[in-house]
N, C-alpha and C. Protein backbone atom coordinates (compact mmCIF):
# COMPACT_ATOMS: atom_id res chain seq x y z
N MET A 1 28.79 28.70 4.20
CA MET A 1 28.40 30.00 4.75
C MET A 1 28.54 31.09 3.69
N ARG A 2 27.51 31.90 3.57
CA ARG A 2 27.56 33.02 2.64
C ARG A 2 28.41 34.14 3.24
N LEU A 3 29.20 34.76 2.38
CA LEU A 3 30.04 35.86 2.84
C LEU A 3 29.41 37.22 2.58
N TYR A 4 28.45 37.28 1.63
CA TYR A 4 27.86 38.57 1.27
C TYR A 4 26.35 38.40 1.10
N PRO A 5 25.57 39.43 1.46
CA PRO A 5 24.11 39.37 1.36
C PRO A 5 23.63 39.56 -0.07
N ASP A 6 22.29 39.54 -0.25
CA ASP A 6 21.71 39.67 -1.59
C ASP A 6 21.70 41.12 -2.08
N ARG A 7 21.32 42.03 -1.21
CA ARG A 7 21.11 43.41 -1.64
C ARG A 7 22.43 44.03 -2.09
N LEU A 8 22.39 44.65 -3.26
CA LEU A 8 23.61 45.15 -3.89
C LEU A 8 24.33 46.17 -3.03
N ILE A 9 23.57 47.10 -2.45
CA ILE A 9 24.21 48.17 -1.68
C ILE A 9 24.94 47.61 -0.46
N LEU A 10 24.33 46.58 0.19
CA LEU A 10 24.99 45.97 1.33
C LEU A 10 26.15 45.08 0.89
N ARG A 11 25.97 44.43 -0.24
CA ARG A 11 27.07 43.60 -0.77
C ARG A 11 28.30 44.46 -1.04
N VAL A 12 28.06 45.61 -1.68
CA VAL A 12 29.17 46.53 -1.96
C VAL A 12 29.75 47.07 -0.66
N GLY A 13 28.87 47.37 0.31
CA GLY A 13 29.33 47.89 1.59
C GLY A 13 30.22 46.90 2.32
N TYR A 14 29.79 45.62 2.36
CA TYR A 14 30.61 44.60 3.01
C TYR A 14 31.93 44.41 2.28
N ALA A 15 31.89 44.38 0.96
CA ALA A 15 33.13 44.21 0.19
C ALA A 15 34.08 45.37 0.41
N LEU A 16 33.52 46.58 0.45
CA LEU A 16 34.36 47.76 0.69
C LEU A 16 34.95 47.73 2.10
N ALA A 17 34.14 47.33 3.07
CA ALA A 17 34.64 47.23 4.45
C ALA A 17 35.74 46.18 4.55
N ASP A 18 35.55 45.05 3.88
CA ASP A 18 36.58 44.01 3.87
C ASP A 18 37.88 44.54 3.27
N ALA A 19 37.75 45.24 2.14
CA ALA A 19 38.93 45.75 1.45
C ALA A 19 39.66 46.79 2.31
N LEU A 20 38.90 47.70 2.92
CA LEU A 20 39.52 48.73 3.75
C LEU A 20 40.20 48.12 4.98
N THR A 21 39.57 47.12 5.56
CA THR A 21 40.19 46.46 6.71
C THR A 21 41.48 45.76 6.29
N LEU A 22 41.44 45.08 5.14
CA LEU A 22 42.65 44.42 4.66
C LEU A 22 43.76 45.42 4.39
N ILE A 23 43.40 46.54 3.77
CA ILE A 23 44.40 47.59 3.50
C ILE A 23 44.97 48.12 4.82
N TRP A 24 44.11 48.34 5.80
CA TRP A 24 44.55 48.82 7.11
C TRP A 24 45.56 47.85 7.74
N LEU A 25 45.24 46.56 7.70
CA LEU A 25 46.12 45.56 8.30
C LEU A 25 47.46 45.49 7.56
N VAL A 26 47.39 45.47 6.23
CA VAL A 26 48.63 45.39 5.45
C VAL A 26 49.48 46.64 5.67
N LEU A 27 48.82 47.80 5.76
CA LEU A 27 49.55 49.05 5.97
C LEU A 27 50.35 49.01 7.27
N TRP A 28 49.72 48.57 8.35
CA TRP A 28 50.41 48.56 9.64
C TRP A 28 51.42 47.44 9.74
N VAL A 29 51.21 46.36 9.00
CA VAL A 29 52.25 45.33 8.93
C VAL A 29 53.49 45.91 8.25
N LYS A 30 53.26 46.67 7.18
CA LYS A 30 54.38 47.31 6.48
C LYS A 30 55.08 48.34 7.37
N VAL A 31 54.30 49.10 8.14
CA VAL A 31 54.89 50.07 9.05
C VAL A 31 55.76 49.37 10.09
N ALA A 32 55.23 48.29 10.67
CA ALA A 32 56.00 47.54 11.66
C ALA A 32 57.26 46.94 11.04
N GLU A 33 57.13 46.44 9.81
CA GLU A 33 58.29 45.88 9.12
C GLU A 33 59.34 46.96 8.85
N PHE A 34 58.88 48.16 8.46
CA PHE A 34 59.81 49.26 8.20
C PHE A 34 60.56 49.65 9.47
N ILE A 35 59.83 49.74 10.58
CA ILE A 35 60.47 50.10 11.86
C ILE A 35 61.49 49.04 12.25
N TYR A 36 61.11 47.78 12.09
CA TYR A 36 62.04 46.69 12.43
C TYR A 36 63.31 46.77 11.59
N ASN A 37 63.14 46.93 10.28
CA ASN A 37 64.31 46.98 9.39
C ASN A 37 65.17 48.21 9.66
N THR A 38 64.52 49.32 10.00
CA THR A 38 65.28 50.55 10.28
C THR A 38 66.16 50.39 11.51
N VAL A 39 65.59 49.83 12.57
CA VAL A 39 66.38 49.63 13.80
C VAL A 39 67.45 48.56 13.57
N MET A 40 67.11 47.52 12.83
CA MET A 40 68.08 46.46 12.59
C MET A 40 69.25 46.94 11.73
N ALA A 41 69.08 48.06 11.04
CA ALA A 41 70.21 48.61 10.28
C ALA A 41 71.36 48.99 11.21
N LEU A 42 71.04 49.26 12.47
CA LEU A 42 72.09 49.58 13.46
C LEU A 42 72.94 48.36 13.78
N ASN A 43 72.49 47.20 13.35
CA ASN A 43 73.23 45.98 13.64
C ASN A 43 74.62 45.98 13.01
N VAL A 44 74.82 46.84 12.01
CA VAL A 44 76.14 46.93 11.39
C VAL A 44 77.18 47.40 12.41
N VAL A 45 76.76 48.21 13.37
CA VAL A 45 77.67 48.65 14.42
C VAL A 45 78.12 47.46 15.27
N ALA A 46 77.17 46.63 15.66
CA ALA A 46 77.50 45.45 16.46
C ALA A 46 78.39 44.50 15.68
N GLN A 47 78.10 44.34 14.40
CA GLN A 47 78.92 43.46 13.57
C GLN A 47 80.34 44.01 13.45
N SER A 48 80.47 45.33 13.36
CA SER A 48 81.81 45.93 13.26
C SER A 48 82.61 45.70 14.53
N ILE A 49 81.95 45.83 15.69
CA ILE A 49 82.63 45.60 16.96
C ILE A 49 83.08 44.14 17.07
N THR A 50 82.18 43.24 16.71
CA THR A 50 82.52 41.81 16.74
C THR A 50 83.66 41.49 15.79
N HIS A 51 83.58 42.06 14.61
CA HIS A 51 84.64 41.82 13.62
C HIS A 51 85.98 42.37 14.10
N ALA A 52 85.96 43.54 14.77
CA ALA A 52 87.20 44.11 15.30
C ALA A 52 87.83 43.18 16.32
N GLY A 53 87.02 42.60 17.19
CA GLY A 53 87.54 41.64 18.18
C GLY A 53 88.12 40.41 17.52
N GLU A 54 87.45 39.92 16.49
CA GLU A 54 87.96 38.74 15.78
C GLU A 54 89.28 39.06 15.07
N VAL A 55 89.39 40.26 14.53
CA VAL A 55 90.63 40.66 13.85
C VAL A 55 91.78 40.74 14.85
N ILE A 56 91.52 41.30 16.04
CA ILE A 56 92.56 41.39 17.08
C ILE A 56 93.04 40.00 17.47
N ASN A 57 92.10 39.08 17.67
CA ASN A 57 92.49 37.70 18.02
C ASN A 57 93.30 37.05 16.92
N ALA A 58 92.87 37.29 15.68
CA ALA A 58 93.59 36.70 14.55
C ALA A 58 95.00 37.27 14.43
N LEU A 59 95.17 38.57 14.67
CA LEU A 59 96.50 39.19 14.60
C LEU A 59 97.43 38.63 15.67
N ILE A 60 96.89 38.42 16.87
CA ILE A 60 97.72 37.89 17.95
C ILE A 60 98.18 36.47 17.64
N VAL A 61 97.22 35.67 17.16
CA VAL A 61 97.58 34.29 16.79
C VAL A 61 98.60 34.28 15.67
N ASN A 62 98.42 35.12 14.67
CA ASN A 62 99.36 35.20 13.56
C ASN A 62 100.74 35.66 14.03
N PHE A 63 100.77 36.59 14.99
CA PHE A 63 102.04 37.05 15.54
C PHE A 63 102.77 35.90 16.23
N GLN A 64 102.05 35.11 17.00
CA GLN A 64 102.67 33.99 17.69
C GLN A 64 103.28 32.99 16.70
N VAL A 65 102.52 32.68 15.67
CA VAL A 65 103.01 31.71 14.68
C VAL A 65 104.24 32.24 13.95
N GLU A 66 104.15 33.49 13.52
CA GLU A 66 105.26 34.07 12.77
C GLU A 66 106.51 34.19 13.65
N ALA A 67 106.33 34.60 14.90
CA ALA A 67 107.48 34.75 15.79
C ALA A 67 108.15 33.41 16.06
N GLN A 68 107.35 32.39 16.29
CA GLN A 68 107.90 31.08 16.64
C GLN A 68 108.63 30.43 15.47
N HIS A 69 108.18 30.67 14.25
CA HIS A 69 108.74 29.98 13.09
C HIS A 69 109.74 30.82 12.31
N ASN A 70 109.68 32.10 12.41
CA ASN A 70 110.49 32.95 11.52
C ASN A 70 111.50 33.83 12.25
N ILE A 71 111.45 33.90 13.56
CA ILE A 71 112.40 34.75 14.29
C ILE A 71 113.32 33.84 15.12
N PRO A 72 114.60 33.85 14.77
CA PRO A 72 115.52 32.98 15.52
C PRO A 72 115.80 33.51 16.93
N PHE A 73 116.22 32.58 17.80
CA PHE A 73 116.67 32.89 19.16
C PHE A 73 115.53 33.38 20.07
N ILE A 74 114.91 34.44 19.71
CA ILE A 74 113.90 35.00 20.63
C ILE A 74 112.48 34.73 20.15
N GLY A 75 112.35 33.88 19.12
CA GLY A 75 111.00 33.62 18.58
C GLY A 75 110.08 32.98 19.60
N ASP A 76 110.60 31.97 20.35
CA ASP A 76 109.75 31.31 21.35
C ASP A 76 109.35 32.30 22.45
N TRP A 77 110.31 33.17 22.82
CA TRP A 77 110.00 34.14 23.88
C TRP A 77 108.91 35.11 23.42
N LEU A 78 109.04 35.55 22.16
CA LEU A 78 108.02 36.46 21.63
C LEU A 78 106.66 35.77 21.50
N ALA A 79 106.70 34.50 21.09
CA ALA A 79 105.43 33.76 20.99
C ALA A 79 104.79 33.61 22.35
N GLY A 80 105.60 33.33 23.38
CA GLY A 80 105.05 33.25 24.73
C GLY A 80 104.51 34.57 25.20
N LEU A 81 105.22 35.62 24.83
CA LEU A 81 104.71 36.94 25.18
C LEU A 81 103.37 37.20 24.50
N GLY A 82 103.26 36.77 23.26
CA GLY A 82 102.00 36.96 22.54
C GLY A 82 100.86 36.15 23.13
N ARG A 83 101.21 34.96 23.70
CA ARG A 83 100.15 34.12 24.28
C ARG A 83 99.52 34.76 25.51
N GLN A 84 100.25 35.68 26.11
CA GLN A 84 99.66 36.39 27.26
C GLN A 84 98.49 37.30 26.84
N PHE A 85 98.44 37.58 25.54
CA PHE A 85 97.36 38.43 25.04
C PHE A 85 96.30 37.63 24.26
N ASN A 86 96.36 36.30 24.45
CA ASN A 86 95.34 35.48 23.79
C ASN A 86 93.93 35.97 24.17
N ASN A 87 93.09 35.96 23.19
CA ASN A 87 91.69 36.38 23.37
C ASN A 87 91.57 37.83 23.83
N ALA A 88 92.55 38.65 23.43
CA ALA A 88 92.45 40.08 23.77
C ALA A 88 91.24 40.72 23.10
N GLY A 89 90.83 40.16 21.99
CA GLY A 89 89.64 40.70 21.31
C GLY A 89 88.35 40.12 21.81
N GLY A 90 88.45 39.19 22.80
CA GLY A 90 87.24 38.56 23.33
C GLY A 90 86.20 39.53 23.86
N PRO A 91 86.61 40.53 24.65
CA PRO A 91 85.62 41.50 25.14
C PRO A 91 84.88 42.22 24.01
N PHE A 92 85.62 42.50 22.91
CA PHE A 92 84.95 43.15 21.78
C PHE A 92 83.93 42.21 21.14
N VAL A 93 84.30 40.93 21.02
CA VAL A 93 83.38 39.95 20.44
C VAL A 93 82.13 39.81 21.31
N GLN A 94 82.34 39.73 22.63
CA GLN A 94 81.20 39.59 23.54
C GLN A 94 80.32 40.84 23.52
N PHE A 95 80.97 42.00 23.53
CA PHE A 95 80.21 43.25 23.51
C PHE A 95 79.43 43.39 22.19
N GLY A 96 80.08 43.01 21.10
CA GLY A 96 79.38 43.06 19.80
C GLY A 96 78.19 42.13 19.76
N GLY A 97 78.34 40.92 20.32
CA GLY A 97 77.22 39.98 20.36
C GLY A 97 76.08 40.49 21.21
N ALA A 98 76.43 41.04 22.38
CA ALA A 98 75.39 41.59 23.27
C ALA A 98 74.68 42.78 22.62
N THR A 99 75.47 43.59 21.90
CA THR A 99 74.87 44.73 21.21
C THR A 99 73.91 44.28 20.12
N ALA A 100 74.28 43.22 19.40
CA ALA A 100 73.41 42.69 18.35
C ALA A 100 72.09 42.19 18.93
N VAL A 101 72.16 41.49 20.06
CA VAL A 101 70.95 41.01 20.72
C VAL A 101 70.08 42.18 21.18
N ALA A 102 70.71 43.20 21.76
CA ALA A 102 69.96 44.37 22.24
C ALA A 102 69.28 45.09 21.07
N ILE A 103 69.99 45.22 19.96
CA ILE A 103 69.40 45.89 18.80
C ILE A 103 68.21 45.08 18.26
N HIS A 104 68.35 43.77 18.21
CA HIS A 104 67.25 42.93 17.74
C HIS A 104 66.04 43.05 18.67
N ASN A 105 66.27 42.99 19.97
CA ASN A 105 65.16 43.11 20.93
C ASN A 105 64.48 44.48 20.81
N LEU A 106 65.29 45.52 20.62
CA LEU A 106 64.73 46.86 20.47
C LEU A 106 63.89 46.95 19.19
N ALA A 107 64.38 46.35 18.11
CA ALA A 107 63.64 46.38 16.85
C ALA A 107 62.30 45.67 16.99
N VAL A 108 62.31 44.52 17.62
CA VAL A 108 61.05 43.76 17.81
C VAL A 108 60.09 44.54 18.71
N ALA A 109 60.63 45.10 19.80
CA ALA A 109 59.77 45.84 20.75
C ALA A 109 59.12 47.05 20.09
N LEU A 110 59.91 47.83 19.35
CA LEU A 110 59.34 49.01 18.70
C LEU A 110 58.33 48.64 17.63
N ALA A 111 58.62 47.58 16.87
CA ALA A 111 57.68 47.13 15.84
C ALA A 111 56.35 46.71 16.46
N LEU A 112 56.42 45.99 17.58
CA LEU A 112 55.20 45.54 18.24
C LEU A 112 54.46 46.69 18.90
N LEU A 113 55.20 47.60 19.53
CA LEU A 113 54.57 48.72 20.22
C LEU A 113 53.88 49.68 19.27
N ILE A 114 54.47 49.88 18.09
CA ILE A 114 53.91 50.84 17.14
C ILE A 114 52.92 50.16 16.19
N GLY A 115 53.25 48.98 15.71
CA GLY A 115 52.36 48.32 14.76
C GLY A 115 51.31 47.44 15.39
N GLY A 116 51.58 46.96 16.62
CA GLY A 116 50.66 46.03 17.26
C GLY A 116 49.29 46.60 17.59
N PRO A 117 49.21 47.75 18.30
CA PRO A 117 47.89 48.27 18.67
C PRO A 117 46.95 48.52 17.50
N PRO A 118 47.40 49.16 16.40
CA PRO A 118 46.47 49.33 15.28
C PRO A 118 46.02 48.01 14.67
N LEU A 119 46.94 47.04 14.61
CA LEU A 119 46.56 45.73 14.08
C LEU A 119 45.52 45.06 14.97
N LEU A 120 45.76 45.08 16.27
CA LEU A 120 44.81 44.47 17.20
C LEU A 120 43.47 45.20 17.18
N ALA A 121 43.53 46.53 17.08
CA ALA A 121 42.28 47.30 17.04
C ALA A 121 41.47 46.93 15.81
N GLY A 122 42.13 46.79 14.66
CA GLY A 122 41.42 46.41 13.45
C GLY A 122 40.84 45.02 13.53
N LEU A 123 41.64 44.08 14.04
CA LEU A 123 41.18 42.69 14.11
C LEU A 123 40.07 42.51 15.16
N LEU A 124 40.29 43.07 16.35
CA LEU A 124 39.34 42.86 17.44
C LEU A 124 38.06 43.65 17.26
N THR A 125 38.09 44.68 16.41
CA THR A 125 36.88 45.47 16.16
C THR A 125 36.11 44.93 14.98
N TYR A 126 36.79 44.72 13.86
CA TYR A 126 36.07 44.37 12.64
C TYR A 126 35.71 42.89 12.56
N VAL A 127 36.65 42.02 12.91
CA VAL A 127 36.40 40.59 12.73
C VAL A 127 35.18 40.11 13.53
N PRO A 128 35.05 40.45 14.83
CA PRO A 128 33.83 40.00 15.54
C PRO A 128 32.55 40.59 14.93
N TRP A 129 32.60 41.88 14.55
CA TRP A 129 31.43 42.49 13.93
C TRP A 129 31.07 41.79 12.62
N ARG A 130 32.08 41.54 11.81
CA ARG A 130 31.84 40.87 10.52
C ARG A 130 31.33 39.47 10.71
N TRP A 131 31.88 38.74 11.67
CA TRP A 131 31.46 37.37 11.93
C TRP A 131 30.01 37.34 12.41
N THR A 132 29.65 38.25 13.31
CA THR A 132 28.28 38.27 13.84
C THR A 132 27.27 38.52 12.73
N HIS A 133 27.52 39.54 11.90
CA HIS A 133 26.57 39.87 10.85
C HIS A 133 26.55 38.80 9.76
N THR A 134 27.69 38.26 9.41
CA THR A 134 27.74 37.21 8.39
C THR A 134 27.01 35.96 8.86
N ARG A 135 27.21 35.62 10.12
CA ARG A 135 26.53 34.44 10.66
C ARG A 135 25.02 34.63 10.65
N GLU A 136 24.55 35.85 10.93
CA GLU A 136 23.11 36.09 10.98
C GLU A 136 22.47 35.97 9.60
N PHE A 137 22.99 36.71 8.61
CA PHE A 137 22.32 36.63 7.31
C PHE A 137 22.56 35.29 6.63
N SER A 138 23.70 34.66 6.93
CA SER A 138 23.95 33.33 6.35
C SER A 138 23.01 32.29 6.97
N SER A 139 22.78 32.39 8.27
CA SER A 139 21.86 31.45 8.93
C SER A 139 20.43 31.65 8.45
N LEU A 140 20.02 32.92 8.31
CA LEU A 140 18.67 33.18 7.80
C LEU A 140 18.52 32.65 6.38
N HIS A 141 19.55 32.84 5.57
CA HIS A 141 19.54 32.30 4.21
C HIS A 141 19.35 30.78 4.24
N THR A 142 20.09 30.10 5.12
CA THR A 142 20.00 28.64 5.21
C THR A 142 18.62 28.20 5.67
N VAL A 143 18.09 28.89 6.70
CA VAL A 143 16.78 28.52 7.24
C VAL A 143 15.69 28.66 6.17
N ILE A 144 15.69 29.77 5.45
CA ILE A 144 14.64 29.99 4.46
C ILE A 144 14.78 29.02 3.29
N ARG A 145 16.01 28.71 2.90
CA ARG A 145 16.22 27.78 1.79
C ARG A 145 15.73 26.37 2.12
N ARG A 146 15.71 26.03 3.39
CA ARG A 146 15.29 24.69 3.80
C ARG A 146 13.78 24.55 3.93
N VAL A 147 13.05 25.64 3.80
CA VAL A 147 11.59 25.60 3.94
C VAL A 147 10.97 25.01 2.67
N PRO A 148 10.16 23.97 2.78
CA PRO A 148 9.48 23.44 1.59
C PRO A 148 8.43 24.41 1.07
N ALA A 149 8.07 24.26 -0.19
CA ALA A 149 7.12 25.19 -0.82
C ALA A 149 5.78 25.20 -0.09
N SER A 150 5.41 24.06 0.48
CA SER A 150 4.11 23.99 1.15
C SER A 150 4.06 24.82 2.43
N ASP A 151 5.23 25.16 2.97
CA ASP A 151 5.27 25.90 4.24
C ASP A 151 5.69 27.35 4.05
N GLU A 152 5.72 27.85 2.84
CA GLU A 152 6.18 29.21 2.61
C GLU A 152 5.25 30.25 3.20
N ALA A 153 3.96 29.95 3.21
CA ALA A 153 3.01 30.88 3.82
C ALA A 153 3.27 31.02 5.31
N ALA A 154 3.55 29.88 5.96
CA ALA A 154 3.87 29.92 7.39
C ALA A 154 5.19 30.65 7.62
N THR A 155 6.10 30.51 6.67
CA THR A 155 7.39 31.21 6.78
C THR A 155 7.18 32.72 6.78
N LEU A 156 6.29 33.19 5.92
CA LEU A 156 5.99 34.62 5.89
C LEU A 156 5.46 35.09 7.23
N GLN A 157 4.61 34.28 7.85
CA GLN A 157 4.04 34.66 9.14
C GLN A 157 5.14 34.74 10.20
N VAL A 158 6.05 33.78 10.21
CA VAL A 158 7.15 33.79 11.19
C VAL A 158 8.04 35.01 10.99
N LEU A 159 8.38 35.29 9.74
CA LEU A 159 9.23 36.44 9.45
C LEU A 159 8.53 37.75 9.83
N ALA A 160 7.23 37.82 9.56
CA ALA A 160 6.47 39.02 9.91
C ALA A 160 6.42 39.20 11.42
N ALA A 161 6.22 38.11 12.14
CA ALA A 161 6.17 38.19 13.60
C ALA A 161 7.52 38.65 14.16
N ARG A 162 8.58 38.13 13.57
CA ARG A 162 9.91 38.56 14.04
C ARG A 162 10.11 40.05 13.83
N ALA A 163 9.68 40.53 12.66
CA ALA A 163 9.81 41.97 12.40
C ALA A 163 9.00 42.77 13.40
N LEU A 164 7.76 42.35 13.65
CA LEU A 164 6.87 43.11 14.53
C LEU A 164 7.39 43.13 15.96
N TYR A 165 8.03 42.04 16.38
CA TYR A 165 8.46 41.93 17.77
C TYR A 165 9.89 42.42 18.02
N THR A 166 10.69 42.55 16.98
CA THR A 166 12.11 42.87 17.21
C THR A 166 12.59 44.16 16.56
N LEU A 167 11.97 44.59 15.47
CA LEU A 167 12.47 45.76 14.76
C LEU A 167 11.94 47.05 15.38
N PRO A 168 12.73 48.11 15.35
CA PRO A 168 12.24 49.41 15.84
C PRO A 168 11.04 49.88 15.01
N PHE A 169 10.20 50.66 15.62
CA PHE A 169 8.97 51.09 14.94
C PHE A 169 9.27 51.94 13.71
N HIS A 170 10.32 52.77 13.77
CA HIS A 170 10.60 53.59 12.60
C HIS A 170 11.03 52.73 11.41
N VAL A 171 11.62 51.57 11.69
CA VAL A 171 11.97 50.65 10.60
C VAL A 171 10.72 49.99 10.06
N LEU A 172 9.81 49.57 10.94
CA LEU A 172 8.56 48.96 10.50
C LEU A 172 7.77 49.90 9.59
N LEU A 173 7.76 51.17 9.94
CA LEU A 173 7.00 52.14 9.15
C LEU A 173 7.61 52.39 7.77
N GLN A 174 8.84 51.98 7.58
CA GLN A 174 9.45 52.09 6.25
C GLN A 174 8.89 51.03 5.30
N TYR A 175 8.29 49.98 5.86
CA TYR A 175 7.79 48.88 5.04
C TYR A 175 6.27 48.75 5.09
N SER A 176 5.66 49.36 6.07
CA SER A 176 4.20 49.24 6.21
C SER A 176 3.66 50.49 6.88
N ARG A 177 2.54 51.03 6.32
CA ARG A 177 1.91 52.19 6.92
C ARG A 177 1.25 51.84 8.24
N ASN A 178 0.79 50.60 8.37
CA ASN A 178 0.14 50.16 9.61
C ASN A 178 0.53 48.70 9.87
N PRO A 179 1.72 48.46 10.42
CA PRO A 179 2.22 47.10 10.57
C PRO A 179 1.34 46.21 11.45
N ILE A 180 0.77 46.75 12.51
CA ILE A 180 -0.06 45.92 13.40
C ILE A 180 -1.33 45.49 12.69
N GLN A 181 -1.95 46.40 11.96
CA GLN A 181 -3.17 46.06 11.24
C GLN A 181 -2.89 45.02 10.16
N GLU A 182 -1.76 45.18 9.43
CA GLU A 182 -1.42 44.20 8.40
C GLU A 182 -1.20 42.82 9.01
N PHE A 183 -0.51 42.77 10.15
CA PHE A 183 -0.26 41.47 10.77
C PHE A 183 -1.57 40.83 11.24
N ALA A 184 -2.43 41.64 11.83
CA ALA A 184 -3.71 41.12 12.32
C ALA A 184 -4.57 40.62 11.16
N ALA A 185 -4.42 41.26 9.99
CA ALA A 185 -5.22 40.86 8.82
C ALA A 185 -4.58 39.70 8.06
N GLY A 186 -3.42 39.23 8.53
CA GLY A 186 -2.76 38.10 7.86
C GLY A 186 -2.00 38.51 6.61
N LYS A 187 -1.69 39.78 6.49
CA LYS A 187 -0.90 40.27 5.35
C LYS A 187 0.55 40.43 5.82
N TYR A 188 1.33 39.39 5.58
CA TYR A 188 2.66 39.29 6.19
C TYR A 188 3.81 39.73 5.28
N GLU A 189 3.51 39.99 4.01
CA GLU A 189 4.61 40.20 3.06
C GLU A 189 5.51 41.38 3.44
N ASN A 190 4.91 42.52 3.72
CA ASN A 190 5.72 43.72 4.00
C ASN A 190 6.60 43.54 5.24
N LEU A 191 6.01 42.95 6.29
CA LEU A 191 6.78 42.74 7.51
C LEU A 191 7.85 41.68 7.30
N ALA A 192 7.53 40.64 6.56
CA ALA A 192 8.53 39.62 6.25
C ALA A 192 9.67 40.22 5.43
N ARG A 193 9.31 41.09 4.52
CA ARG A 193 10.33 41.74 3.70
C ARG A 193 11.25 42.61 4.58
N ALA A 194 10.68 43.21 5.61
CA ALA A 194 11.49 44.02 6.53
C ALA A 194 12.52 43.17 7.26
N THR A 195 12.07 42.00 7.74
CA THR A 195 13.00 41.09 8.43
C THR A 195 14.13 40.67 7.51
N MET A 196 13.80 40.30 6.29
CA MET A 196 14.83 39.87 5.34
C MET A 196 15.77 41.02 4.99
N ALA A 197 15.19 42.19 4.79
CA ALA A 197 16.01 43.33 4.38
C ALA A 197 17.00 43.74 5.46
N GLN A 198 16.61 43.58 6.72
CA GLN A 198 17.53 43.93 7.80
C GLN A 198 18.78 43.07 7.79
N GLN A 199 18.70 41.89 7.19
CA GLN A 199 19.87 41.02 7.05
C GLN A 199 20.47 41.09 5.64
N GLY A 200 19.95 42.02 4.84
CA GLY A 200 20.50 42.19 3.51
C GLY A 200 20.01 41.18 2.50
N LEU A 201 18.91 40.50 2.80
CA LEU A 201 18.38 39.47 1.90
C LEU A 201 17.11 39.97 1.23
N ASP A 202 16.87 39.45 0.04
CA ASP A 202 15.72 39.86 -0.77
C ASP A 202 14.65 38.78 -0.69
N LEU A 203 13.49 39.14 -0.15
CA LEU A 203 12.41 38.16 0.04
C LEU A 203 12.01 37.48 -1.25
N ASP A 204 11.99 38.22 -2.36
CA ASP A 204 11.54 37.65 -3.63
C ASP A 204 12.43 36.53 -4.14
N ARG A 205 13.66 36.45 -3.65
CA ARG A 205 14.56 35.39 -4.09
C ARG A 205 14.34 34.09 -3.33
N TYR A 206 13.50 34.13 -2.28
CA TYR A 206 13.33 32.95 -1.44
C TYR A 206 11.89 32.43 -1.41
N ILE A 207 10.93 33.33 -1.54
CA ILE A 207 9.53 32.95 -1.48
C ILE A 207 8.94 33.05 -2.88
N ALA A 208 8.32 31.97 -3.33
CA ALA A 208 7.71 31.96 -4.66
C ALA A 208 6.57 32.96 -4.72
N PRO A 209 6.34 33.59 -5.85
CA PRO A 209 5.25 34.57 -5.96
C PRO A 209 3.90 34.02 -5.55
N ALA A 210 3.68 32.72 -5.77
CA ALA A 210 2.38 32.13 -5.42
C ALA A 210 2.12 32.17 -3.93
N ALA A 211 3.18 32.17 -3.13
CA ALA A 211 3.01 32.19 -1.68
C ALA A 211 2.75 33.58 -1.15
N LEU A 212 3.03 34.60 -1.96
CA LEU A 212 2.84 35.97 -1.52
C LEU A 212 1.37 36.36 -1.64
N PRO A 213 0.84 37.06 -0.69
CA PRO A 213 -0.57 37.47 -0.77
C PRO A 213 -0.79 38.49 -1.86
N GLU A 214 -2.00 38.53 -2.34
CA GLU A 214 -2.35 39.52 -3.36
C GLU A 214 -2.31 40.91 -2.77
N PRO A 215 -1.81 41.90 -3.51
CA PRO A 215 -1.76 43.25 -2.97
C PRO A 215 -3.15 43.79 -2.70
N ASN A 216 -3.30 44.56 -1.67
CA ASN A 216 -4.59 45.11 -1.28
C ASN A 216 -4.79 46.47 -1.96
N ASP A 217 -5.88 46.60 -2.63
CA ASP A 217 -6.17 47.86 -3.33
C ASP A 217 -6.49 48.99 -2.37
N GLU A 218 -6.99 48.62 -1.18
CA GLU A 218 -7.36 49.64 -0.22
C GLU A 218 -6.18 49.92 0.70
N PRO A 219 -5.73 51.17 0.76
CA PRO A 219 -4.59 51.47 1.63
C PRO A 219 -4.98 51.28 3.09
N PRO A 220 -4.05 50.82 3.92
CA PRO A 220 -4.35 50.65 5.35
C PRO A 220 -4.64 51.99 5.98
N SER A 221 -5.51 51.95 6.98
CA SER A 221 -5.89 53.19 7.65
C SER A 221 -4.71 53.74 8.40
N ALA A 222 -4.62 55.08 8.48
CA ALA A 222 -3.49 55.74 9.14
C ALA A 222 -3.62 55.61 10.64
């Protein structure tokens, strides 16, 4: 499949549109990433709360060990007293974990809410348009390339008929002063060229000069 047409101005236009769309998508991905990282910076608060709970638990355990081994007579009593406060830092650990989850969910939600719509708008608007136009000129390119040299004259007639039956009249007049008269007279080049040009293709690159009719010295009647 061809990605770009023959005509330079359209080729540049498609390339520029592709580049701008890519820049648009990358820009909003970066914006979403920035929002996510900014909100996730708050995770240090959750980590601090969790760490505080872990420190409290560690201090209580250390107190029990030290009391039991290093304090005579009342060491066991103090250790038992300390065991009553086992997992005193547990609520801090749980709260810190829940806070971390909430911060992560908030970061993802904000990134999607702010970065998602522009990304979807770019993809759902440009990609179908690009695919439709690329498929059309690529298919026309394939069809014309498959025509044998002996059938090029018939190809001109088909292309001319398509132009006459499908293109707006103001477009036809850009290629022929009297499109109906030219078609009736079997002069298909101008109308065929219009069909090809609408898809960004150059007729001269597909039809050999021998298949093209001789130019008429007499201008068509107005």
